[in-house]
PDB file of N, CA and C in Angstrom:
ATOM      1  N   MET A   1     -22.129  -1.822  17.708  1.00  0.00           N
ATOM      2  CA  MET A   1     -21.878  -1.123  16.457  1.00  0.00           C
ATOM      3  C   MET A   1     -21.103   0.163  16.757  1.00  0.00           C
ATOM      4  N   THR A   2     -20.130   0.455  15.952  1.00  0.00           N
ATOM      5  CA  THR A   2     -19.360   1.686  16.122  1.00  0.00           C
ATOM      6  C   THR A   2     -19.634   2.614  14.955  1.00  0.00           C
ATOM      7  N   GLY A   3     -19.267   3.847  15.119  1.00  0.00           N
ATOM      8  CA  GLY A   3     -19.470   4.817  14.052  1.00  0.00           C
ATOM      9  C   GLY A   3     -18.652   6.057  14.321  1.00  0.00           C
ATOM     10  N   CYS A   4     -18.689   6.950  13.351  1.00  0.00           N
ATOM     11  CA  CYS A   4     -17.971   8.213  13.466  1.00  0.00           C
ATOM     12  C   CYS A   4     -18.971   9.333  13.671  1.00  0.00           C
ATOM     13  N   GLN A   5     -18.524  10.382  14.318  1.00  0.00           N
ATOM     14  CA  GLN A   5     -19.347  11.572  14.488  1.00  0.00           C
ATOM     15  C   GLN A   5     -18.525  12.777  14.063  1.00  0.00           C
ATOM     16  N   GLY A   6     -18.970  13.445  13.002  1.00  0.00           N
ATOM     17  CA  GLY A   6     -18.303  14.650  12.538  1.00  0.00           C
ATOM     18  C   GLY A   6     -18.682  15.840  13.408  1.00  0.00           C
ATOM     19  N   GLU A   7     -17.877  16.887  13.333  1.00  0.00           N
ATOM     20  CA  GLU A   7     -18.094  18.061  14.172  1.00  0.00           C
ATOM     21  C   GLU A   7     -19.174  18.996  13.649  1.00  0.00           C
ATOM     22  N   LEU A   8     -19.359  19.055  12.338  1.00  0.00           N
ATOM     23  CA  LEU A   8     -20.273  20.033  11.746  1.00  0.00           C
ATOM     24  C   LEU A   8     -21.560  19.339  11.295  1.00  0.00           C
ATOM     25  N   VAL A   9     -22.510  19.293  12.186  1.00  0.00           N
ATOM     26  CA  VAL A   9     -23.780  18.602  11.961  1.00  0.00           C
ATOM     27  C   VAL A   9     -24.780  19.525  11.278  1.00  0.00           C
ATOM     28  N   GLU A  10     -25.391  19.026  10.221  1.00  0.00           N
ATOM     29  CA  GLU A  10     -26.444  19.731   9.481  1.00  0.00           C
ATOM     30  C   GLU A  10     -26.016  21.144   9.077  1.00  0.00           C
ATOM     31  N   LYS A  11     -24.808  21.238   8.543  1.00  0.00           N
ATOM     32  CA  LYS A  11     -24.268  22.503   8.039  1.00  0.00           C
ATOM     33  C   LYS A  11     -24.171  22.428   6.517  1.00  0.00           C
ATOM     34  N   GLU A  12     -24.203  23.595   5.873  1.00  0.00           N
ATOM     35  CA  GLU A  12     -24.153  23.661   4.413  1.00  0.00           C
ATOM     36  C   GLU A  12     -22.727  23.898   3.933  1.00  0.00           C
ATOM     37  N   PHE A  13     -22.286  23.047   3.020  1.00  0.00           N
ATOM     38  CA  PHE A  13     -20.946  23.118   2.440  1.00  0.00           C
ATOM     39  C   PHE A  13     -21.041  23.366   0.942  1.00  0.00           C
ATOM     40  N   ASP A  14     -20.101  24.127   0.403  1.00  0.00           N
ATOM     41  CA  ASP A  14     -19.956  24.266  -1.047  1.00  0.00           C
ATOM     42  C   ASP A  14     -19.000  23.174  -1.495  1.00  0.00           C
ATOM     43  N   VAL A  15     -19.460  22.309  -2.390  1.00  0.00           N
ATOM     44  CA  VAL A  15     -18.657  21.184  -2.844  1.00  0.00           C
ATOM     45  C   VAL A  15     -18.454  21.289  -4.352  1.00  0.00           C
ATOM     46  N   TYR A  16     -17.192  21.239  -4.757  1.00  0.00           N
ATOM     47  CA  TYR A  16     -16.828  21.324  -6.173  1.00  0.00           C
ATOM     48  C   TYR A  16     -15.889  20.169  -6.488  1.00  0.00           C
ATOM     49  N   ILE A  17     -16.249  19.387  -7.501  1.00  0.00           N
ATOM     50  CA  ILE A  17     -15.434  18.239  -7.898  1.00  0.00           C
ATOM     51  C   ILE A  17     -15.310  18.214  -9.415  1.00  0.00           C
ATOM     52  N   GLU A  18     -14.085  18.003  -9.876  1.00  0.00           N
ATOM     53  CA  GLU A  18     -13.889  17.811 -11.319  1.00  0.00           C
ATOM     54  C   GLU A  18     -13.037  16.568 -11.541  1.00  0.00           C
ATOM     55  N   ASN A  19     -13.227  15.959 -12.710  1.00  0.00           N
ATOM     56  CA  ASN A  19     -12.454  14.756 -13.033  1.00  0.00           C
ATOM     57  C   ASN A  19     -11.116  15.148 -13.662  1.00  0.00           C
ATOM     58  N   GLU A  20     -10.326  14.159 -14.048  1.00  0.00           N
ATOM     59  CA  GLU A  20      -8.992  14.419 -14.598  1.00  0.00           C
ATOM     60  C   GLU A  20      -9.025  15.212 -15.899  1.00  0.00           C
ATOM     61  N   ASP A  21     -10.138  15.144 -16.628  1.00  0.00           N
ATOM     62  CA  ASP A  21     -10.282  15.895 -17.875  1.00  0.00           C
ATOM     63  C   ASP A  21     -10.708  17.336 -17.626  1.00  0.00           C
ATOM     64  N   GLY A  22     -10.968  17.693 -16.374  1.00  0.00           N
ATOM     65  CA  GLY A  22     -11.411  19.040 -16.047  1.00  0.00           C
ATOM     66  C   GLY A  22     -12.911  19.220 -16.136  1.00  0.00           C
ATOM     67  N   ASP A  23     -13.635  18.130 -16.356  1.00  0.00           N
ATOM     68  CA  ASP A  23     -15.094  18.203 -16.415  1.00  0.00           C
ATOM     69  C   ASP A  23     -15.662  18.296 -15.003  1.00  0.00           C
ATOM     70  N   VAL A  24     -16.603  19.219 -14.805  1.00  0.00           N
ATOM     71  CA  VAL A  24     -17.222  19.389 -13.499  1.00  0.00           C
ATOM     72  C   VAL A  24     -18.196  18.238 -13.254  1.00  0.00           C
ATOM     73  N   VAL A  25     -18.002  17.548 -12.136  1.00  0.00           N
ATOM     74  CA  VAL A  25     -18.850  16.423 -11.759  1.00  0.00           C
ATOM     75  C   VAL A  25     -19.867  16.854 -10.703  1.00  0.00           C
ATOM     76  N   VAL A  26     -19.430  17.690  -9.763  1.00  0.00           N
ATOM     77  CA  VAL A  26     -20.303  18.221  -8.710  1.00  0.00           C
ATOM     78  C   VAL A  26     -19.957  19.681  -8.504  1.00  0.00           C
ATOM     79  N   ASP A  27     -20.966  20.526  -8.453  1.00  0.00           N
ATOM     80  CA  ASP A  27     -20.813  21.939  -8.116  1.00  0.00           C
ATOM     81  C   ASP A  27     -22.109  22.362  -7.445  1.00  0.00           C
ATOM     82  N   GLU A  28     -22.203  22.069  -6.160  1.00  0.00           N
ATOM     83  CA  GLU A  28     -23.457  22.326  -5.455  1.00  0.00           C
ATOM     84  C   GLU A  28     -23.231  22.473  -3.955  1.00  0.00           C
ATOM     85  N   LYS A  29     -24.260  22.887  -3.285  1.00  0.00           N
ATOM     86  CA  LYS A  29     -24.252  22.982  -1.835  1.00  0.00           C
ATOM     87  C   LYS A  29     -24.802  21.678  -1.281  1.00  0.00           C
ATOM     88  N   LEU A  30     -24.105  21.112  -0.303  1.00  0.00           N
ATOM     89  CA  LEU A  30     -24.547  19.888   0.346  1.00  0.00           C
ATOM     90  C   LEU A  30     -24.657  20.140   1.837  1.00  0.00           C
ATOM     91  N   ILE A  31     -25.665  19.558   2.454  1.00  0.00           N
ATOM     92  CA  ILE A  31     -25.871  19.703   3.886  1.00  0.00           C
ATOM     93  C   ILE A  31     -25.429  18.418   4.573  1.00  0.00           C
ATOM     94  N   SER A  32     -24.594  18.577   5.583  1.00  0.00           N
ATOM     95  CA  SER A  32     -24.127  17.398   6.323  1.00  0.00           C
ATOM     96  C   SER A  32     -25.295  16.770   7.086  1.00  0.00           C
ATOM     97  N   GLN A  33     -25.181  15.486   7.300  1.00  0.00           N
ATOM     98  CA  GLN A  33     -26.221  14.731   7.975  1.00  0.00           C
ATOM     99  C   GLN A  33     -26.081  14.861   9.492  1.00  0.00           C
ATOM    100  N   ALA A  34     -26.923  14.171  10.225  1.00  0.00           N
ATOM    101  CA  ALA A  34     -26.892  14.206  11.692  1.00  0.00           C
ATOM    102  C   ALA A  34     -25.573  13.686  12.250  1.00  0.00           C
ATOM    103  N   ASN A  35     -24.851  12.881  11.466  1.00  0.00           N
ATOM    104  CA  ASN A  35     -23.548  12.369  11.915  1.00  0.00           C
ATOM    105  C   ASN A  35     -22.392  13.297  11.513  1.00  0.00           C
ATOM    106  N   GLY A  36     -22.708  14.424  10.867  1.00  0.00           N
ATOM    107  CA  GLY A  36     -21.690  15.400  10.486  1.00  0.00           C
ATOM    108  C   GLY A  36     -21.013  15.132   9.159  1.00  0.00           C
ATOM    109  N   PHE A  37     -21.436  14.105   8.434  1.00  0.00           N
ATOM    110  CA  PHE A  37     -20.846  13.742   7.148  1.00  0.00           C
ATOM    111  C   PHE A  37     -21.873  13.895   6.043  1.00  0.00           C
ATOM    112  N   PHE A  38     -21.411  13.911   4.799  1.00  0.00           N
ATOM    113  CA  PHE A  38     -22.345  13.860   3.666  1.00  0.00           C
ATOM    114  C   PHE A  38     -21.881  12.803   2.688  1.00  0.00           C
ATOM    115  N   ASP A  39     -22.846  12.285   1.935  1.00  0.00           N
ATOM    116  CA  ASP A  39     -22.570  11.229   0.963  1.00  0.00           C
ATOM    117  C   ASP A  39     -22.301  11.817  -0.407  1.00  0.00           C
ATOM    118  N   LEU A  40     -21.326  11.250  -1.086  1.00  0.00           N
ATOM    119  CA  LEU A  40     -21.042  11.583  -2.483  1.00  0.00           C
ATOM    120  C   LEU A  40     -20.968  10.281  -3.265  1.00  0.00           C
ATOM    121  N   TRP A  41     -21.637  10.223  -4.379  1.00  0.00           N
ATOM    122  CA  TRP A  41     -21.562   9.064  -5.264  1.00  0.00           C
ATOM    123  C   TRP A  41     -20.889   9.517  -6.541  1.00  0.00           C
ATOM    124  N   LEU A  42     -19.706   8.957  -6.803  1.00  0.00           N
ATOM    125  CA  LEU A  42     -18.914   9.337  -7.973  1.00  0.00           C
ATOM    126  C   LEU A  42     -18.691   8.114  -8.857  1.00  0.00           C
ATOM    127  N   PRO A  43     -18.572   8.326 -10.166  1.00  0.00           N
ATOM    128  CA  PRO A  43     -18.291   7.206 -11.067  1.00  0.00           C
ATOM    129  C   PRO A  43     -16.999   6.485 -10.680  1.00  0.00           C
ATOM    130  N   ARG A  44     -17.013   5.173 -10.868  1.00  0.00           N
ATOM    131  CA  ARG A  44     -15.860   4.339 -10.508  1.00  0.00           C
ATOM    132  C   ARG A  44     -14.684   4.524 -11.457  1.00  0.00           C
ATOM    133  N   ASP A  45     -13.530   4.113 -10.960  1.00  0.00           N
ATOM    134  CA  ASP A  45     -12.295   4.046 -11.741  1.00  0.00           C
ATOM    135  C   ASP A  45     -11.856   5.386 -12.311  1.00  0.00           C
ATOM    136  N   GLU A  46     -11.978   6.423 -11.493  1.00  0.00           N
ATOM    137  CA  GLU A  46     -11.527   7.754 -11.905  1.00  0.00           C
ATOM    138  C   GLU A  46     -10.846   8.447 -10.725  1.00  0.00           C
ATOM    139  N   THR A  47     -10.097   9.494 -11.041  1.00  0.00           N
ATOM    140  CA  THR A  47      -9.460  10.337 -10.036  1.00  0.00           C
ATOM    141  C   THR A  47     -10.075  11.725 -10.138  1.00  0.00           C
ATOM    142  N   TYR A  48     -10.298  12.345  -8.984  1.00  0.00           N
ATOM    143  CA  TYR A  48     -10.995  13.628  -8.930  1.00  0.00           C
ATOM    144  C   TYR A  48     -10.237  14.634  -8.080  1.00  0.00           C
ATOM    145  N   LYS A  49     -10.423  15.921  -8.412  1.00  0.00           N
ATOM    146  CA  LYS A  49      -9.982  17.020  -7.569  1.00  0.00           C
ATOM    147  C   LYS A  49     -11.238  17.511  -6.855  1.00  0.00           C
ATOM    148  N   ILE A  50     -11.147  17.659  -5.542  1.00  0.00           N
ATOM    149  CA  ILE A  50     -12.308  18.086  -4.767  1.00  0.00           C
ATOM    150  C   ILE A  50     -11.950  19.303  -3.925  1.00  0.00           C
ATOM    151  N   THR A  51     -12.874  20.253  -3.877  1.00  0.00           N
ATOM    152  CA  THR A  51     -12.751  21.420  -3.021  1.00  0.00           C
ATOM    153  C   THR A  51     -14.025  21.520  -2.193  1.00  0.00           C
ATOM    154  N   ILE A  52     -13.851  21.636  -0.890  1.00  0.00           N
ATOM    155  CA  ILE A  52     -14.982  21.799   0.014  1.00  0.00           C
ATOM    156  C   ILE A  52     -14.765  23.101   0.780  1.00  0.00           C
ATOM    157  N   ALA A  53     -15.815  23.930   0.854  1.00  0.00           N
ATOM    158  CA  ALA A  53     -15.722  25.205   1.561  1.00  0.00           C
ATOM    159  C   ALA A  53     -16.862  25.324   2.565  1.00  0.00           C
ATOM    160  N   TYR A  54     -16.527  25.925   3.717  1.00  0.00           N
ATOM    161  CA  TYR A  54     -17.522  26.177   4.756  1.00  0.00           C
ATOM    162  C   TYR A  54     -17.048  27.336   5.623  1.00  0.00           C
ATOM    163  N   ASP A  55     -17.875  28.333   5.769  1.00  0.00           N
ATOM    164  CA  ASP A  55     -17.633  29.432   6.702  1.00  0.00           C
ATOM    165  C   ASP A  55     -16.244  30.056   6.524  1.00  0.00           C
ATOM    166  N   GLY A  56     -15.863  30.310   5.273  1.00  0.00           N
ATOM    167  CA  GLY A  56     -14.587  30.954   4.984  1.00  0.00           C
ATOM    168  C   GLY A  56     -13.379  30.038   5.007  1.00  0.00           C
ATOM    169  N   LYS A  57     -13.586  28.763   5.288  1.00  0.00           N
ATOM    170  CA  LYS A  57     -12.490  27.794   5.311  1.00  0.00           C
ATOM    171  C   LYS A  57     -12.658  26.826   4.157  1.00  0.00           C
ATOM    172  N   THR A  58     -11.532  26.327   3.645  1.00  0.00           N
ATOM    173  CA  THR A  58     -11.592  25.390   2.522  1.00  0.00           C
ATOM    174  C   THR A  58     -10.609  24.242   2.722  1.00  0.00           C
ATOM    175  N   VAL A  59     -10.856  23.209   1.963  1.00  0.00           N
ATOM    176  CA  VAL A  59      -9.915  22.101   1.856  1.00  0.00           C
ATOM    177  C   VAL A  59      -9.926  21.648   0.407  1.00  0.00           C
ATOM    178  N   GLU A  60      -8.751  21.381  -0.123  1.00  0.00           N
ATOM    179  CA  GLU A  60      -8.612  20.845  -1.472  1.00  0.00           C
ATOM    180  C   GLU A  60      -7.899  19.512  -1.365  1.00  0.00           C
ATOM    181  N   SER A  61      -8.346  18.548  -2.142  1.00  0.00           N
ATOM    182  CA  SER A  61      -7.740  17.236  -2.079  1.00  0.00           C
ATOM    183  C   SER A  61      -7.969  16.503  -3.388  1.00  0.00           C
ATOM    184  N   GLU A  62      -7.373  15.348  -3.481  1.00  0.00           N
ATOM    185  CA  GLU A  62      -7.584  14.457  -4.615  1.00  0.00           C
ATOM    186  C   GLU A  62      -8.119  13.153  -4.052  1.00  0.00           C
ATOM    187  N   LEU A  63      -9.081  12.586  -4.734  1.00  0.00           N
ATOM    188  CA  LEU A  63      -9.583  11.283  -4.337  1.00  0.00           C
ATOM    189  C   LEU A  63      -9.866  10.468  -5.583  1.00  0.00           C
ATOM    190  N   SER A  64      -9.906   9.167  -5.395  1.00  0.00           N
ATOM    191  CA  SER A  64     -10.152   8.286  -6.534  1.00  0.00           C
ATOM    192  C   SER A  64     -11.123   7.181  -6.143  1.00  0.00           C
ATOM    193  N   THR A  65     -11.667   6.543  -7.165  1.00  0.00           N
ATOM    194  CA  THR A  65     -12.719   5.550  -6.954  1.00  0.00           C
ATOM    195  C   THR A  65     -12.363   4.205  -7.581  1.00  0.00           C
ATOM    196  N   PHE A  66     -11.094   3.839  -7.485  1.00  0.00           N
ATOM    197  CA  PHE A  66     -10.674   2.546  -7.991  1.00  0.00           C
ATOM    198  C   PHE A  66     -10.979   1.464  -6.949  1.00  0.00           C
ATOM    199  N   LYS A  67     -10.941   0.227  -7.360  1.00  0.00           N
ATOM    200  CA  LYS A  67     -11.342  -0.892  -6.518  1.00  0.00           C
ATOM    201  C   LYS A  67     -10.654  -0.890  -5.150  1.00  0.00           C
ATOM    202  N   GLU A  68      -9.377  -0.568  -5.102  1.00  0.00           N
ATOM    203  CA  GLU A  68      -8.631  -0.614  -3.852  1.00  0.00           C
ATOM    204  C   GLU A  68      -8.805   0.624  -2.972  1.00  0.00           C
ATOM    205  N   ASP A  69      -9.489   1.650  -3.460  1.00  0.00           N
ATOM    206  CA  ASP A  69      -9.673   2.899  -2.713  1.00  0.00           C
ATOM    207  C   ASP A  69     -10.739   2.767  -1.627  1.00  0.00           C
ATOM    208  N   GLY A  70     -10.545   3.512  -0.567  1.00  0.00           N
ATOM    209  CA  GLY A  70     -11.525   3.530   0.516  1.00  0.00           C
ATOM    210  C   GLY A  70     -12.809   4.225   0.093  1.00  0.00           C
ATOM    211  N   THR A  71     -13.862   3.905   0.784  1.00  0.00           N
ATOM    212  CA  THR A  71     -15.162   4.510   0.464  1.00  0.00           C
ATOM    213  C   THR A  71     -15.611   5.510   1.518  1.00  0.00           C
ATOM    214  N   CYS A  72     -14.856   5.632   2.581  1.00  0.00           N
ATOM    215  CA  CYS A  72     -15.179   6.582   3.644  1.00  0.00           C
ATOM    216  C   CYS A  72     -13.945   7.454   3.871  1.00  0.00           C
ATOM    217  N   ILE A  73     -14.009   8.694   3.424  1.00  0.00           N
ATOM    218  CA  ILE A  73     -12.873   9.604   3.532  1.00  0.00           C
ATOM    219  C   ILE A  73     -13.100  10.529   4.731  1.00  0.00           C
ATOM    220  N   THR A  74     -12.210  10.469   5.690  1.00  0.00           N
ATOM    221  CA  THR A  74     -12.354  11.290   6.899  1.00  0.00           C
ATOM    222  C   THR A  74     -11.114  12.129   7.180  1.00  0.00           C
ATOM    223  N   THR A  75     -10.249  12.276   6.205  1.00  0.00           N
ATOM    224  CA  THR A  75      -8.961  12.932   6.434  1.00  0.00           C
ATOM    225  C   THR A  75      -8.911  14.374   5.949  1.00  0.00           C
ATOM    226  N   MET A  76      -9.930  14.870   5.277  1.00  0.00           N
ATOM    227  CA  MET A  76      -9.907  16.241   4.777  1.00  0.00           C
ATOM    228  C   MET A  76     -10.324  17.195   5.897  1.00  0.00           C
ATOM    229  N   LYS A  77      -9.457  18.174   6.192  1.00  0.00           N
ATOM    230  CA  LYS A  77      -9.735  19.126   7.263  1.00  0.00           C
ATOM    231  C   LYS A  77      -9.792  20.539   6.709  1.00  0.00           C
ATOM    232  N   LEU A  78     -10.815  21.270   7.076  1.00  0.00           N
ATOM    233  CA  LEU A  78     -10.968  22.668   6.670  1.00  0.00           C
ATOM    234  C   LEU A  78      -9.936  23.525   7.379  1.00  0.00           C
ATOM    235  N   SER A  79      -9.388  24.496   6.640  1.00  0.00           N
ATOM    236  CA  SER A  79      -8.470  25.437   7.286  1.00  0.00           C
ATOM    237  C   SER A  79      -8.575  26.784   6.624  1.00  0.00           C
TER     238      SER A  79
END
């Protein structure tokens, strides 16, 4: 079995997500798991703007939950 290991294990992140209408879907602190990742469950068939912040660094991105979209996002990097 293979897997990924994130760099920031059991750290607290500020996560903010809104949908295309500007409605806030997530605005909370999430703690990464032992593998350095955290789970997000978002409604299907929508596009979202996401901002993640940690220790003075942020990343902003867009993600979507359509059938053809990936379910494991590992490309967002804090800067």
